[in-house]
N, C-alpha and C. Protein backbone atom coordinates (compact mmCIF):
# COMPACT_ATOMS: atom_id res chain seq x y z
N MET A 1 19.78 -17.84 -17.71
CA MET A 1 18.79 -17.31 -18.64
C MET A 1 17.47 -17.12 -17.89
N PRO A 2 16.80 -15.99 -18.05
CA PRO A 2 15.58 -15.70 -17.31
C PRO A 2 14.41 -16.64 -17.60
N ALA A 3 14.25 -17.12 -18.81
CA ALA A 3 13.13 -18.01 -19.14
C ALA A 3 13.66 -19.21 -19.91
N PRO A 4 13.08 -20.40 -19.66
CA PRO A 4 13.49 -21.59 -20.41
C PRO A 4 13.24 -21.42 -21.91
N ASP A 5 13.99 -22.16 -22.71
CA ASP A 5 13.84 -22.08 -24.16
C ASP A 5 12.42 -22.35 -24.62
N TYR A 6 11.73 -23.32 -23.97
CA TYR A 6 10.38 -23.63 -24.43
C TYR A 6 9.44 -22.44 -24.23
N VAL A 7 9.65 -21.64 -23.18
CA VAL A 7 8.83 -20.45 -22.95
C VAL A 7 9.14 -19.39 -24.01
N LEU A 8 10.42 -19.22 -24.33
CA LEU A 8 10.80 -18.25 -25.36
C LEU A 8 10.19 -18.62 -26.71
N LYS A 9 10.16 -19.92 -27.02
CA LYS A 9 9.55 -20.37 -28.29
C LYS A 9 8.05 -20.13 -28.29
N LEU A 10 7.41 -20.36 -27.15
CA LEU A 10 5.97 -20.06 -27.05
C LEU A 10 5.73 -18.56 -27.24
N ARG A 11 6.58 -17.75 -26.63
CA ARG A 11 6.42 -16.29 -26.73
C ARG A 11 6.56 -15.81 -28.17
N GLU A 12 7.39 -16.50 -28.98
CA GLU A 12 7.49 -16.13 -30.40
C GLU A 12 6.14 -16.28 -31.10
N LYS A 13 5.33 -17.22 -30.63
CA LYS A 13 4.03 -17.50 -31.25
C LYS A 13 2.90 -16.66 -30.65
N ILE A 14 2.95 -16.41 -29.33
CA ILE A 14 1.80 -15.75 -28.69
C ILE A 14 2.10 -14.33 -28.22
N GLY A 15 3.31 -13.88 -28.40
CA GLY A 15 3.66 -12.53 -27.98
C GLY A 15 3.59 -12.40 -26.46
N HIS A 16 2.99 -11.32 -25.99
CA HIS A 16 2.91 -11.05 -24.55
C HIS A 16 1.64 -11.59 -23.91
N ASP A 17 0.82 -12.32 -24.68
CA ASP A 17 -0.45 -12.84 -24.16
C ASP A 17 -0.24 -13.66 -22.89
N PRO A 18 -1.27 -13.76 -22.05
CA PRO A 18 -1.15 -14.52 -20.80
C PRO A 18 -0.72 -15.97 -21.03
N LEU A 19 0.15 -16.42 -20.15
CA LEU A 19 0.70 -17.77 -20.22
C LEU A 19 0.64 -18.39 -18.82
N TRP A 20 0.17 -19.62 -18.73
CA TRP A 20 0.08 -20.38 -17.48
C TRP A 20 1.34 -21.24 -17.39
N LEU A 21 2.10 -21.07 -16.29
CA LEU A 21 3.38 -21.77 -16.17
C LEU A 21 3.53 -22.44 -14.81
N PRO A 22 4.23 -23.59 -14.78
CA PRO A 22 4.54 -24.24 -13.50
C PRO A 22 5.78 -23.60 -12.89
N GLY A 23 5.66 -23.17 -11.64
CA GLY A 23 6.79 -22.52 -10.98
C GLY A 23 7.12 -23.18 -9.65
N VAL A 24 8.32 -22.86 -9.15
CA VAL A 24 8.76 -23.34 -7.84
C VAL A 24 9.37 -22.17 -7.09
N ARG A 25 9.32 -22.28 -5.75
CA ARG A 25 9.86 -21.25 -4.87
C ARG A 25 10.41 -21.96 -3.65
N GLY A 26 11.59 -21.50 -3.18
CA GLY A 26 12.20 -22.16 -2.03
C GLY A 26 12.61 -21.21 -0.92
N VAL A 27 12.38 -21.66 0.30
CA VAL A 27 12.89 -20.97 1.48
C VAL A 27 14.05 -21.83 1.97
N VAL A 28 15.27 -21.34 1.78
CA VAL A 28 16.48 -22.08 2.13
C VAL A 28 17.02 -21.55 3.44
N PHE A 29 17.17 -22.44 4.42
CA PHE A 29 17.76 -22.09 5.71
C PHE A 29 19.17 -22.65 5.79
N ASN A 30 20.11 -21.84 6.28
CA ASN A 30 21.45 -22.35 6.57
C ASN A 30 21.50 -22.75 8.04
N ASP A 31 22.67 -23.24 8.50
CA ASP A 31 22.80 -23.71 9.89
C ASP A 31 22.60 -22.60 10.91
N ALA A 32 22.79 -21.35 10.51
CA ALA A 32 22.61 -20.21 11.42
C ALA A 32 21.15 -19.74 11.46
N GLY A 33 20.27 -20.40 10.68
CA GLY A 33 18.87 -20.01 10.65
C GLY A 33 18.58 -18.85 9.73
N GLU A 34 19.54 -18.49 8.89
CA GLU A 34 19.35 -17.41 7.93
C GLU A 34 18.70 -17.95 6.66
N ILE A 35 18.06 -17.03 5.92
CA ILE A 35 17.34 -17.37 4.69
C ILE A 35 18.08 -16.81 3.48
N LEU A 36 18.15 -17.61 2.43
CA LEU A 36 18.80 -17.21 1.18
C LEU A 36 17.81 -16.40 0.34
N LEU A 37 18.24 -15.19 -0.05
CA LEU A 37 17.44 -14.33 -0.91
C LEU A 37 18.29 -13.84 -2.08
N GLY A 38 17.59 -13.50 -3.16
CA GLY A 38 18.26 -12.90 -4.30
C GLY A 38 17.59 -11.59 -4.67
N GLN A 39 18.39 -10.63 -5.10
CA GLN A 39 17.84 -9.37 -5.59
C GLN A 39 17.64 -9.52 -7.09
N ARG A 40 16.39 -9.52 -7.51
CA ARG A 40 16.04 -9.81 -8.90
C ARG A 40 16.59 -8.75 -9.87
N ALA A 41 17.11 -9.22 -11.00
CA ALA A 41 17.63 -8.30 -12.02
C ALA A 41 16.51 -7.61 -12.78
N ASP A 42 15.33 -8.23 -12.88
CA ASP A 42 14.26 -7.65 -13.69
C ASP A 42 13.54 -6.49 -13.01
N ASN A 43 13.49 -6.51 -11.65
CA ASN A 43 12.77 -5.42 -10.99
C ASN A 43 13.49 -4.85 -9.76
N GLY A 44 14.67 -5.40 -9.42
CA GLY A 44 15.46 -4.90 -8.30
C GLY A 44 14.97 -5.29 -6.93
N ARG A 45 13.89 -6.05 -6.83
CA ARG A 45 13.32 -6.45 -5.54
C ARG A 45 14.02 -7.68 -4.99
N TRP A 46 14.12 -7.74 -3.66
CA TRP A 46 14.63 -8.93 -2.98
C TRP A 46 13.52 -9.98 -2.94
N ALA A 47 13.90 -11.24 -3.13
CA ALA A 47 12.90 -12.31 -3.21
C ALA A 47 13.51 -13.65 -2.86
N LEU A 48 12.65 -14.59 -2.55
CA LEU A 48 13.07 -15.98 -2.45
C LEU A 48 13.49 -16.43 -3.84
N ILE A 49 14.25 -17.50 -3.88
CA ILE A 49 14.68 -18.02 -5.19
C ILE A 49 13.51 -18.77 -5.81
N THR A 50 13.21 -18.42 -7.05
CA THR A 50 12.09 -19.00 -7.77
C THR A 50 12.56 -19.49 -9.14
N GLY A 51 11.69 -20.21 -9.81
CA GLY A 51 12.04 -20.64 -11.15
C GLY A 51 10.87 -21.27 -11.87
N ILE A 52 11.05 -21.47 -13.15
CA ILE A 52 10.06 -22.12 -14.01
C ILE A 52 10.54 -23.53 -14.28
N LEU A 53 9.65 -24.49 -14.11
CA LEU A 53 10.00 -25.89 -14.37
C LEU A 53 10.11 -26.15 -15.86
N GLU A 54 11.01 -27.04 -16.21
CA GLU A 54 11.13 -27.51 -17.58
C GLU A 54 10.03 -28.55 -17.82
N PRO A 55 9.62 -28.79 -19.08
CA PRO A 55 8.59 -29.79 -19.35
C PRO A 55 8.96 -31.15 -18.73
N GLY A 56 8.03 -31.72 -17.95
CA GLY A 56 8.23 -33.03 -17.34
C GLY A 56 9.09 -33.04 -16.09
N GLU A 57 9.61 -31.88 -15.66
CA GLU A 57 10.50 -31.83 -14.50
C GLU A 57 9.71 -31.91 -13.20
N GLU A 58 10.19 -32.70 -12.26
CA GLU A 58 9.60 -32.80 -10.93
C GLU A 58 9.85 -31.50 -10.18
N PRO A 59 8.85 -31.01 -9.41
CA PRO A 59 9.01 -29.72 -8.72
C PRO A 59 10.20 -29.66 -7.76
N ALA A 60 10.39 -30.64 -6.90
CA ALA A 60 11.49 -30.57 -5.94
C ALA A 60 12.85 -30.56 -6.65
N GLY A 61 13.01 -31.43 -7.62
CA GLY A 61 14.26 -31.47 -8.38
C GLY A 61 14.50 -30.20 -9.16
N GLY A 62 13.42 -29.62 -9.71
CA GLY A 62 13.53 -28.37 -10.45
C GLY A 62 13.95 -27.22 -9.55
N LEU A 63 13.44 -27.20 -8.32
CA LEU A 63 13.85 -26.15 -7.38
C LEU A 63 15.32 -26.29 -7.01
N VAL A 64 15.77 -27.51 -6.74
CA VAL A 64 17.19 -27.73 -6.43
C VAL A 64 18.06 -27.21 -7.57
N ARG A 65 17.65 -27.51 -8.81
CA ARG A 65 18.39 -27.04 -9.99
C ARG A 65 18.39 -25.52 -10.06
N GLU A 66 17.22 -24.90 -9.90
CA GLU A 66 17.12 -23.44 -9.99
C GLU A 66 17.99 -22.74 -8.94
N ILE A 67 17.95 -23.23 -7.71
CA ILE A 67 18.73 -22.59 -6.64
C ILE A 67 20.22 -22.68 -6.95
N GLU A 68 20.68 -23.83 -7.39
CA GLU A 68 22.11 -23.96 -7.71
C GLU A 68 22.49 -23.10 -8.91
N GLU A 69 21.65 -23.08 -9.95
CA GLU A 69 21.94 -22.27 -11.13
C GLU A 69 22.01 -20.79 -10.80
N GLU A 70 21.10 -20.31 -9.94
CA GLU A 70 21.01 -18.88 -9.66
C GLU A 70 21.97 -18.41 -8.58
N THR A 71 22.31 -19.30 -7.62
CA THR A 71 23.08 -18.84 -6.45
C THR A 71 24.36 -19.61 -6.17
N GLY A 72 24.58 -20.75 -6.83
CA GLY A 72 25.74 -21.58 -6.52
C GLY A 72 25.58 -22.41 -5.26
N VAL A 73 24.41 -22.35 -4.63
CA VAL A 73 24.16 -23.08 -3.38
C VAL A 73 23.44 -24.39 -3.69
N VAL A 74 23.93 -25.47 -3.09
CA VAL A 74 23.30 -26.78 -3.20
C VAL A 74 22.40 -26.97 -1.98
N VAL A 75 21.16 -27.40 -2.22
CA VAL A 75 20.20 -27.57 -1.14
C VAL A 75 19.59 -28.97 -1.17
N GLU A 76 18.96 -29.30 -0.06
CA GLU A 76 18.13 -30.49 0.03
C GLU A 76 16.73 -30.03 0.39
N VAL A 77 15.75 -30.52 -0.33
CA VAL A 77 14.36 -30.18 -0.05
C VAL A 77 13.92 -30.95 1.18
N GLU A 78 13.35 -30.22 2.16
CA GLU A 78 12.89 -30.85 3.40
C GLU A 78 11.41 -31.18 3.37
N ARG A 79 10.60 -30.20 2.92
CA ARG A 79 9.15 -30.47 2.92
C ARG A 79 8.40 -29.48 2.04
N LEU A 80 7.22 -29.91 1.64
CA LEU A 80 6.31 -29.07 0.88
C LEU A 80 5.65 -28.06 1.81
N LEU A 81 5.58 -26.80 1.37
CA LEU A 81 4.95 -25.75 2.16
C LEU A 81 3.58 -25.36 1.63
N ASN A 82 3.47 -25.22 0.31
CA ASN A 82 2.25 -24.65 -0.25
C ASN A 82 2.20 -24.92 -1.74
N VAL A 83 0.99 -24.98 -2.26
CA VAL A 83 0.74 -24.99 -3.69
C VAL A 83 -0.29 -23.89 -3.93
N GLY A 84 0.02 -22.95 -4.78
CA GLY A 84 -0.90 -21.85 -5.00
C GLY A 84 -0.69 -21.18 -6.34
N VAL A 85 -1.62 -20.30 -6.66
CA VAL A 85 -1.58 -19.54 -7.91
C VAL A 85 -1.09 -18.13 -7.62
N HIS A 86 -0.13 -17.67 -8.41
CA HIS A 86 0.42 -16.32 -8.26
C HIS A 86 0.31 -15.61 -9.61
N GLY A 87 -0.42 -14.52 -9.59
CA GLY A 87 -0.57 -13.75 -10.82
C GLY A 87 -2.01 -13.41 -11.06
N PRO A 88 -2.25 -12.81 -12.23
CA PRO A 88 -1.28 -12.61 -13.29
C PRO A 88 -0.22 -11.56 -12.94
N ILE A 89 0.96 -11.78 -13.47
CA ILE A 89 2.10 -10.89 -13.29
C ILE A 89 2.50 -10.36 -14.65
N THR A 90 2.65 -9.06 -14.76
CA THR A 90 3.15 -8.46 -15.99
C THR A 90 4.61 -8.08 -15.76
N PHE A 91 5.49 -8.68 -16.53
CA PHE A 91 6.92 -8.44 -16.40
C PHE A 91 7.31 -7.16 -17.14
N PRO A 92 8.49 -6.59 -16.81
CA PRO A 92 8.91 -5.33 -17.45
C PRO A 92 8.91 -5.36 -18.98
N ASN A 93 9.11 -6.56 -19.57
CA ASN A 93 9.12 -6.64 -21.03
C ASN A 93 7.71 -6.76 -21.62
N GLY A 94 6.67 -6.80 -20.75
CA GLY A 94 5.29 -6.87 -21.21
C GLY A 94 4.68 -8.27 -21.16
N ASP A 95 5.49 -9.30 -20.95
CA ASP A 95 4.97 -10.67 -20.86
C ASP A 95 4.05 -10.79 -19.66
N VAL A 96 2.93 -11.49 -19.84
CA VAL A 96 1.98 -11.74 -18.76
C VAL A 96 1.98 -13.23 -18.46
N CYS A 97 2.16 -13.56 -17.17
CA CYS A 97 2.18 -14.96 -16.74
C CYS A 97 1.39 -15.13 -15.46
N THR A 98 0.77 -16.28 -15.33
CA THR A 98 0.21 -16.73 -14.06
C THR A 98 0.91 -18.04 -13.75
N PHE A 99 1.35 -18.16 -12.49
CA PHE A 99 2.14 -19.33 -12.10
C PHE A 99 1.37 -20.22 -11.14
N LEU A 100 1.39 -21.51 -11.39
CA LEU A 100 1.01 -22.50 -10.39
C LEU A 100 2.31 -22.81 -9.67
N THR A 101 2.46 -22.29 -8.45
CA THR A 101 3.73 -22.33 -7.74
C THR A 101 3.72 -23.37 -6.63
N VAL A 102 4.74 -24.22 -6.63
CA VAL A 102 4.94 -25.22 -5.59
C VAL A 102 6.09 -24.71 -4.73
N GLU A 103 5.81 -24.52 -3.43
CA GLU A 103 6.79 -23.94 -2.51
C GLU A 103 7.33 -24.99 -1.55
N PHE A 104 8.65 -24.92 -1.29
CA PHE A 104 9.31 -25.89 -0.43
C PHE A 104 10.20 -25.21 0.60
N ARG A 105 10.34 -25.86 1.74
CA ARG A 105 11.37 -25.51 2.72
C ARG A 105 12.58 -26.36 2.36
N CYS A 106 13.76 -25.72 2.35
CA CYS A 106 15.00 -26.42 1.99
C CYS A 106 16.08 -26.13 3.04
N ARG A 107 17.07 -27.00 3.08
CA ARG A 107 18.21 -26.75 3.95
C ARG A 107 19.47 -26.68 3.10
N TYR A 108 20.35 -25.78 3.51
CA TYR A 108 21.65 -25.59 2.86
C TYR A 108 22.48 -26.86 3.01
N VAL A 109 23.14 -27.29 1.94
CA VAL A 109 24.05 -28.43 1.96
C VAL A 109 25.48 -27.95 1.78
N CYS A 110 25.74 -27.19 0.71
CA CYS A 110 27.09 -26.68 0.45
C CYS A 110 27.03 -25.58 -0.61
N GLY A 111 28.18 -24.97 -0.82
CA GLY A 111 28.30 -23.91 -1.82
C GLY A 111 28.33 -22.54 -1.19
N GLU A 112 28.95 -21.61 -1.90
CA GLU A 112 29.02 -20.23 -1.43
C GLU A 112 28.01 -19.40 -2.20
N ALA A 113 27.11 -18.73 -1.46
CA ALA A 113 26.07 -17.93 -2.10
C ALA A 113 26.71 -16.80 -2.91
N ARG A 114 26.33 -16.73 -4.19
CA ARG A 114 26.88 -15.72 -5.09
C ARG A 114 25.91 -15.51 -6.25
N VAL A 115 26.07 -14.42 -6.94
CA VAL A 115 25.33 -14.22 -8.18
C VAL A 115 25.93 -15.18 -9.19
N ASN A 116 25.12 -16.11 -9.66
CA ASN A 116 25.64 -17.20 -10.50
C ASN A 116 25.08 -17.17 -11.92
N ASP A 117 24.20 -16.21 -12.21
CA ASP A 117 23.68 -16.04 -13.56
C ASP A 117 23.18 -14.61 -13.71
N ASP A 118 22.47 -14.33 -14.79
CA ASP A 118 22.03 -12.96 -15.04
C ASP A 118 20.66 -12.63 -14.46
N GLU A 119 20.10 -13.52 -13.63
CA GLU A 119 18.78 -13.27 -13.06
C GLU A 119 18.82 -12.46 -11.77
N SER A 120 20.01 -12.35 -11.15
CA SER A 120 20.12 -11.65 -9.87
C SER A 120 21.18 -10.55 -9.92
N LEU A 121 20.91 -9.49 -9.15
CA LEU A 121 21.90 -8.42 -8.97
C LEU A 121 22.77 -8.71 -7.75
N ALA A 122 22.19 -9.38 -6.75
CA ALA A 122 22.89 -9.72 -5.51
C ALA A 122 22.22 -10.94 -4.90
N VAL A 123 22.97 -11.66 -4.08
CA VAL A 123 22.48 -12.83 -3.37
C VAL A 123 23.04 -12.76 -1.96
N GLY A 124 22.23 -13.14 -0.97
CA GLY A 124 22.74 -13.11 0.40
C GLY A 124 21.88 -13.87 1.38
N TRP A 125 22.45 -14.08 2.57
CA TRP A 125 21.76 -14.73 3.68
C TRP A 125 21.25 -13.66 4.64
N PHE A 126 20.01 -13.81 5.11
CA PHE A 126 19.39 -12.82 5.99
C PHE A 126 18.71 -13.52 7.16
N GLY A 127 18.90 -12.96 8.35
CA GLY A 127 18.18 -13.43 9.52
C GLY A 127 16.71 -13.07 9.41
N LEU A 128 15.87 -13.82 10.10
CA LEU A 128 14.43 -13.55 10.05
C LEU A 128 14.09 -12.15 10.54
N ASP A 129 14.92 -11.59 11.42
CA ASP A 129 14.65 -10.26 11.96
C ASP A 129 15.33 -9.15 11.17
N GLU A 130 15.99 -9.48 10.07
CA GLU A 130 16.68 -8.47 9.26
C GLU A 130 16.42 -8.63 7.77
N LEU A 131 15.21 -9.08 7.42
CA LEU A 131 14.87 -9.29 6.02
C LEU A 131 14.73 -7.95 5.29
N PRO A 132 15.23 -7.86 4.06
CA PRO A 132 14.96 -6.66 3.26
C PRO A 132 13.48 -6.67 2.86
N ASP A 133 13.05 -5.64 2.19
CA ASP A 133 11.66 -5.55 1.74
C ASP A 133 11.39 -6.62 0.69
N VAL A 134 10.57 -7.61 1.04
CA VAL A 134 10.17 -8.65 0.09
C VAL A 134 8.64 -8.61 -0.01
N GLY A 135 8.12 -9.13 -1.10
CA GLY A 135 6.69 -9.09 -1.33
C GLY A 135 5.90 -9.91 -0.33
N PRO A 136 4.59 -9.62 -0.20
CA PRO A 136 3.75 -10.29 0.78
C PRO A 136 3.68 -11.81 0.60
N SER A 137 3.61 -12.29 -0.62
CA SER A 137 3.53 -13.75 -0.81
C SER A 137 4.84 -14.42 -0.40
N HIS A 138 5.96 -13.73 -0.57
CA HIS A 138 7.24 -14.27 -0.13
C HIS A 138 7.32 -14.29 1.40
N LEU A 139 6.82 -13.22 2.03
CA LEU A 139 6.79 -13.19 3.50
C LEU A 139 5.92 -14.30 4.06
N GLU A 140 4.79 -14.55 3.43
CA GLU A 140 3.91 -15.63 3.89
C GLU A 140 4.60 -16.98 3.73
N CYS A 141 5.30 -17.17 2.65
CA CYS A 141 6.04 -18.41 2.42
C CYS A 141 7.12 -18.58 3.49
N ILE A 142 7.83 -17.51 3.82
CA ILE A 142 8.85 -17.55 4.87
C ILE A 142 8.21 -17.90 6.21
N ARG A 143 7.05 -17.31 6.49
CA ARG A 143 6.35 -17.60 7.75
C ARG A 143 6.01 -19.09 7.85
N ARG A 144 5.49 -19.66 6.77
CA ARG A 144 5.16 -21.09 6.77
C ARG A 144 6.42 -21.93 6.98
N ALA A 145 7.50 -21.55 6.32
CA ALA A 145 8.74 -22.32 6.43
C ALA A 145 9.36 -22.23 7.81
N ALA A 146 9.22 -21.08 8.47
CA ALA A 146 9.81 -20.89 9.80
C ALA A 146 9.06 -21.68 10.86
N SER A 147 7.81 -22.03 10.60
CA SER A 147 7.01 -22.81 11.54
C SER A 147 7.08 -24.28 11.14
N ARG A 148 7.77 -25.06 11.92
CA ARG A 148 7.90 -26.49 11.61
C ARG A 148 6.56 -27.21 11.67
N ASP A 149 5.56 -26.63 12.36
CA ASP A 149 4.26 -27.28 12.52
C ASP A 149 3.23 -26.82 11.51
N SER A 150 3.59 -25.89 10.65
CA SER A 150 2.65 -25.35 9.68
C SER A 150 2.22 -26.43 8.70
N PRO A 151 0.89 -26.62 8.53
CA PRO A 151 0.44 -27.62 7.55
C PRO A 151 0.70 -27.13 6.13
N VAL A 152 0.65 -28.05 5.19
CA VAL A 152 0.79 -27.67 3.78
C VAL A 152 -0.41 -26.78 3.42
N GLY A 153 -0.13 -25.67 2.77
CA GLY A 153 -1.19 -24.75 2.41
C GLY A 153 -1.67 -24.94 0.99
N PHE A 154 -2.93 -24.62 0.77
CA PHE A 154 -3.51 -24.59 -0.56
C PHE A 154 -4.82 -23.84 -0.48
N VAL A 155 -5.28 -23.36 -1.62
CA VAL A 155 -6.55 -22.65 -1.68
C VAL A 155 -7.55 -23.61 -2.31
N SER A 156 -8.70 -23.76 -1.68
CA SER A 156 -9.72 -24.65 -2.24
C SER A 156 -10.86 -23.86 -2.84
């Protein structure tokens, strides 16, 4: 499902008005050094796997859940990459959201990458030198994850 039930219930009350949401994003590396990406069903763009946290959910655990739900891949979170604000974003249905996004570097544990729900059109592993067109914030997240020495990022 594209949005958690609590977000859908809020939308019944506020319509398309701006909504502040906690989000997660993961850069998953397999043993070959490839990155897991999904082609989003809502806009057709390739992207890192992202998700909205459930109320009270820890960010790292929520990302592990989102990645498995969307791709069938089980991961282990290795480290925090960044905490930042993304948006406002207007979705194709007119909903406006701004996300406080917590980004993590993850490593593949098991599972076969596949479209596992209705949020993706395709899922696949890509080498750093063969990435499809992804947005600038996703590229920056990948850059931070590829550098083992990169400090945790944030905007002050």
